[in-house]
Amino acid sequence: MAIRIKSRGGESVEQLMRRFKKLCEKEGLTKDVKKRAFYEKPSERKRRARRRAARPSGR
């Protein structure tokens, strides 16, 4: 998957980077990168999923 950002007329590099970061956040890439940064054992993954399922749905 490739994300492409085209520069708009007179747009600064900072504005381009801001749009790029927002697009990455919207696509869920930053969350995925953080999730894959460290290895998680399958038992830990299951435990976290059980805790998430047991949480009250009001949150």
Protein backbone atom coordinates (compact mmCIF):
# COMPACT_ATOMS: atom_id res chain seq x y z
CA MET A 1 0.00 0.00 0.00
CA ALA A 2 1.44 3.34 -1.02
CA ILE A 3 0.31 6.72 0.22
CA ARG A 4 0.92 9.56 -2.18
CA ILE A 5 0.66 13.21 -1.31
CA LYS A 6 0.78 15.79 -4.09
CA SER A 7 1.87 19.27 -3.25
CA ARG A 8 -0.78 21.93 -3.58
CA GLY A 9 0.20 25.31 -4.95
CA GLY A 10 2.30 27.25 -2.46
CA GLU A 11 2.10 24.54 0.22
CA SER A 12 5.07 24.35 2.59
CA VAL A 13 6.89 21.17 3.56
CA GLU A 14 5.47 21.41 7.09
CA GLN A 15 1.93 21.47 5.71
CA LEU A 16 2.70 18.48 3.49
CA MET A 17 4.05 16.53 6.45
CA ARG A 18 1.00 17.42 8.54
CA ARG A 19 -1.32 16.13 5.79
CA PHE A 20 0.78 12.98 5.41
CA LYS A 21 0.68 12.25 9.15
CA LYS A 22 -3.09 12.76 9.25
CA LEU A 23 -3.52 10.42 6.30
CA CYS A 24 -1.36 7.76 7.97
CA GLU A 25 -3.36 8.09 11.19
CA LYS A 26 -6.63 7.83 9.28
CA GLU A 27 -5.46 4.68 7.49
CA GLY A 28 -4.37 3.11 10.79
CA LEU A 29 -0.74 2.81 9.80
CA THR A 30 0.68 4.43 12.92
CA LYS A 31 -1.30 2.10 15.17
CA ASP A 32 -0.15 -0.90 13.14
CA VAL A 33 3.51 0.16 13.27
CA LYS A 34 3.35 0.62 17.04
CA LYS A 35 1.64 -2.75 17.42
CA ARG A 36 4.37 -4.52 15.42
CA ALA A 37 7.27 -2.71 17.08
CA PHE A 38 7.65 -5.43 19.74
CA TYR A 39 6.93 -9.14 19.61
CA GLU A 40 3.89 -10.18 21.58
CA LYS A 41 3.51 -13.79 22.60
CA PRO A 42 0.25 -15.43 21.46
CA SER A 43 -0.77 -16.06 25.08
CA GLU A 44 -0.38 -12.34 25.86
CA ARG A 45 -2.40 -11.44 22.77
CA LYS A 46 -5.22 -13.78 23.87
CA ARG A 47 -5.14 -12.40 27.42
CA ARG A 48 -5.42 -8.84 26.11
CA ALA A 49 -8.32 -9.83 23.84
CA ARG A 50 -10.17 -11.46 26.77
CA ARG A 51 -9.70 -8.33 28.90
CA ARG A 52 -10.99 -6.15 26.07
CA ALA A 53 -14.05 -8.39 25.65
CA ALA A 54 -14.77 -8.34 29.40
CA ARG A 55 -14.72 -4.54 29.60
CA PRO A 56 -18.05 -2.75 29.91
CA SER A 57 -19.25 -1.57 26.52
CA GLY A 58 -19.79 1.99 27.80
CA ARG A 59 -16.10 2.86 27.31
